[in-house]
Amino acid sequence: MKAKSLSGICAVVFSVFFLFSCGPSDSELKKSIGMKLEATPGITATVEKGVVTLSGTVEASAQKDQAETLVREVEGVKTIMNDIQVLPPPPPKDTPDQALVKVIEKNLSEQGFSMVKASVTDSVATITGDIKKSEVKKVKQIVEKSGAKKVVEKLSTK
């Protein structure tokens, strides 16, 4: 009787051990994870003893979260370390008016008129600053050649 119960216990222990040790191998997990992440460029996964480490860079946190969700669907994954980095958003691009201000002020500075400032609305440049009366015409020409449709002159002259 004792032999039967001992053999029964051994069978149960062996079965439990066998079931837990028969999960997918790390290489099988890596292959399954790779297939899940095919549509997510820039993300890589390493697997060690069922622990998955995700790395790489993405443009949005939703992509990072989606990658983790996809990996969780893979049977045999024990833990996920999500080391994916979310890139900061790119700086906003200049509007056409902002770009024109930069061109005007660069051109004015190159001609020795860095004290003249410009603002632009709908390609109409307004220039301000203190200059000699004899330089007003030259400054307006520089601004016009920079691409302004019209120049509103609010300069103070000496």
Protein backbone atom coordinates (compact mmCIF):
# COMPACT_ATOMS: atom_id res chain seq x y z
CA MET A 1 0.00 0.00 0.00
CA LYS A 2 2.81 2.35 0.92
CA ALA A 3 4.54 1.55 -2.35
CA LYS A 4 1.43 2.50 -4.35
CA SER A 5 1.02 5.84 -2.58
CA LEU A 6 4.72 6.60 -2.88
CA SER A 7 4.66 5.83 -6.57
CA GLY A 8 1.51 7.97 -6.92
CA ILE A 9 3.20 10.91 -5.20
CA CYS A 10 6.27 10.51 -7.38
CA ALA A 11 4.08 10.49 -10.47
CA VAL A 12 2.34 13.70 -9.40
CA VAL A 13 5.63 15.45 -8.59
CA PHE A 14 7.14 14.29 -11.86
CA SER A 15 4.07 15.43 -13.81
CA VAL A 16 4.09 18.88 -12.21
CA PHE A 17 7.82 19.26 -12.80
CA PHE A 18 7.45 18.04 -16.36
CA LEU A 19 4.57 20.45 -17.12
CA PHE A 20 6.45 23.47 -15.80
CA SER A 21 9.70 22.59 -17.47
CA CYS A 22 8.08 21.93 -20.84
CA GLY A 23 7.17 25.54 -21.65
CA PRO A 24 8.53 27.07 -24.83
CA SER A 25 12.27 27.60 -24.98
CA ASP A 26 13.73 31.10 -25.04
CA SER A 27 14.49 30.77 -28.75
CA GLU A 28 10.88 29.72 -29.44
CA LEU A 29 9.62 32.67 -27.42
CA LYS A 30 11.95 35.04 -29.26
CA LYS A 31 10.67 33.76 -32.60
CA SER A 32 7.01 34.16 -31.55
CA ILE A 33 7.68 37.63 -30.14
CA GLY A 34 9.52 38.62 -33.32
CA MET A 35 6.48 37.66 -35.38
CA LYS A 36 4.24 39.75 -33.09
CA LEU A 37 6.53 42.78 -33.36
CA GLU A 38 7.14 42.62 -37.14
CA ALA A 39 4.91 45.64 -37.76
CA THR A 40 6.67 47.67 -35.06
CA PRO A 41 10.03 48.79 -36.46
CA GLY A 42 12.74 49.96 -34.09
CA ILE A 43 11.87 47.53 -31.29
CA THR A 44 13.97 44.52 -30.35
CA ALA A 45 13.37 41.80 -27.79
CA THR A 46 15.73 39.60 -25.84
CA VAL A 47 14.54 36.56 -23.89
CA GLU A 48 16.21 34.88 -20.94
CA LYS A 49 14.41 32.19 -18.92
CA GLY A 50 11.05 33.50 -20.09
CA VAL A 51 11.83 37.11 -19.13
CA VAL A 52 11.46 39.42 -22.13
CA THR A 53 13.32 42.71 -22.35
CA LEU A 54 11.99 45.14 -24.95
CA SER A 55 14.27 47.89 -26.19
CA GLY A 56 14.47 50.44 -28.98
CA THR A 57 12.87 53.78 -29.73
CA VAL A 58 9.39 54.78 -30.84
CA GLU A 59 7.70 58.09 -31.62
CA ALA A 60 4.71 57.72 -29.28
CA SER A 61 4.00 56.11 -25.92
CA ALA A 62 1.06 54.28 -27.51
CA GLN A 63 3.58 52.33 -29.64
CA LYS A 64 5.52 51.39 -26.50
CA ASP A 65 2.34 50.20 -24.79
CA GLN A 66 1.19 48.32 -27.90
CA ALA A 67 4.49 46.42 -28.11
CA GLU A 68 4.13 45.29 -24.50
CA THR A 69 0.51 44.25 -25.09
CA LEU A 70 1.53 42.17 -28.11
CA VAL A 71 4.29 40.41 -26.17
CA ARG A 72 1.91 39.61 -23.28
CA GLU A 73 -0.17 37.60 -25.77
CA VAL A 74 2.73 35.17 -26.33
CA GLU A 75 2.27 32.02 -24.28
CA GLY A 76 5.23 31.27 -22.04
CA VAL A 77 6.30 34.85 -21.35
CA LYS A 78 6.84 35.19 -17.61
CA THR A 79 7.80 38.84 -17.22
CA ILE A 80 8.28 41.85 -19.50
CA MET A 81 10.87 44.55 -18.93
CA ASN A 82 9.79 47.41 -21.18
CA ASP A 83 12.89 49.55 -21.79
CA ILE A 84 11.55 51.11 -24.99
CA GLN A 85 12.33 54.82 -25.18
CA VAL A 86 9.78 57.32 -26.48
CA LEU A 87 11.42 60.03 -28.57
CA PRO A 88 10.59 63.63 -27.72
CA PRO A 89 8.36 65.34 -30.27
CA PRO A 90 10.20 67.29 -32.96
CA PRO A 91 10.36 71.04 -32.49
CA PRO A 92 7.53 72.87 -34.19
CA LYS A 93 8.28 74.12 -37.68
CA ASP A 94 8.37 77.82 -38.34
CA THR A 95 5.35 79.36 -39.96
CA PRO A 96 6.08 81.23 -43.21
CA ASP A 97 5.91 84.52 -41.28
CA GLN A 98 8.37 83.28 -38.64
CA ALA A 99 10.75 82.09 -41.35
CA LEU A 100 10.53 85.49 -43.07
CA VAL A 101 11.39 87.29 -39.80
CA LYS A 102 14.55 85.17 -39.53
CA VAL A 103 15.55 85.93 -43.13
CA ILE A 104 14.90 89.66 -42.73
CA GLU A 105 16.81 89.96 -39.45
CA LYS A 106 19.71 87.90 -40.83
CA ASN A 107 19.93 90.08 -43.93
CA LEU A 108 19.70 93.28 -41.88
CA SER A 109 22.38 92.05 -39.47
CA GLU A 110 24.72 91.14 -42.35
CA GLN A 111 24.39 94.71 -43.63
CA GLY A 112 25.16 96.22 -40.20
CA PHE A 113 21.58 96.87 -39.10
CA SER A 114 21.26 94.40 -36.21
CA MET A 115 19.51 97.10 -34.17
CA VAL A 116 16.52 96.95 -36.55
CA LYS A 117 13.91 94.35 -35.59
CA ALA A 118 11.15 92.92 -37.74
CA SER A 119 7.77 91.38 -37.15
CA VAL A 120 5.73 89.79 -39.93
CA THR A 121 2.01 89.15 -40.33
CA ASP A 122 0.68 87.74 -43.61
CA SER A 123 4.04 88.49 -45.26
CA VAL A 124 3.78 92.18 -44.32
CA ALA A 125 6.92 93.20 -42.44
CA THR A 126 6.91 95.88 -39.76
CA ILE A 127 10.38 97.17 -38.93
CA THR A 128 11.33 99.02 -35.76
CA GLY A 129 14.53 100.36 -34.27
CA ASP A 130 16.76 103.44 -34.14
CA ILE A 131 18.76 104.32 -37.27
CA LYS A 132 20.04 107.36 -39.11
CA LYS A 133 17.52 109.07 -41.38
CA SER A 134 19.86 108.52 -44.34
CA GLU A 135 19.71 104.71 -43.80
CA VAL A 136 15.91 104.31 -43.89
CA LYS A 137 15.74 103.74 -47.66
CA LYS A 138 18.51 101.12 -47.58
CA VAL A 139 16.88 99.25 -44.68
CA LYS A 140 13.51 99.16 -46.46
CA GLN A 141 15.20 97.81 -49.62
CA ILE A 142 16.90 95.04 -47.63
CA VAL A 143 13.53 94.05 -46.13
CA GLU A 144 11.77 94.12 -49.50
CA LYS A 145 14.50 91.98 -51.10
CA SER A 146 14.11 89.50 -48.24
CA GLY A 147 10.65 88.60 -49.54
CA ALA A 148 8.19 90.82 -47.67
CA LYS A 149 5.07 91.72 -49.69
CA LYS A 150 4.95 95.11 -48.03
CA VAL A 151 7.08 97.01 -45.50
CA VAL A 152 5.55 99.06 -42.69
CA GLU A 153 8.27 101.34 -41.43
CA LYS A 154 8.12 102.35 -37.76
CA LEU A 155 11.75 103.33 -37.39
CA SER A 156 13.00 106.06 -35.11
CA THR A 157 15.46 108.28 -36.94
CA LYS A 158 18.31 110.41 -35.66
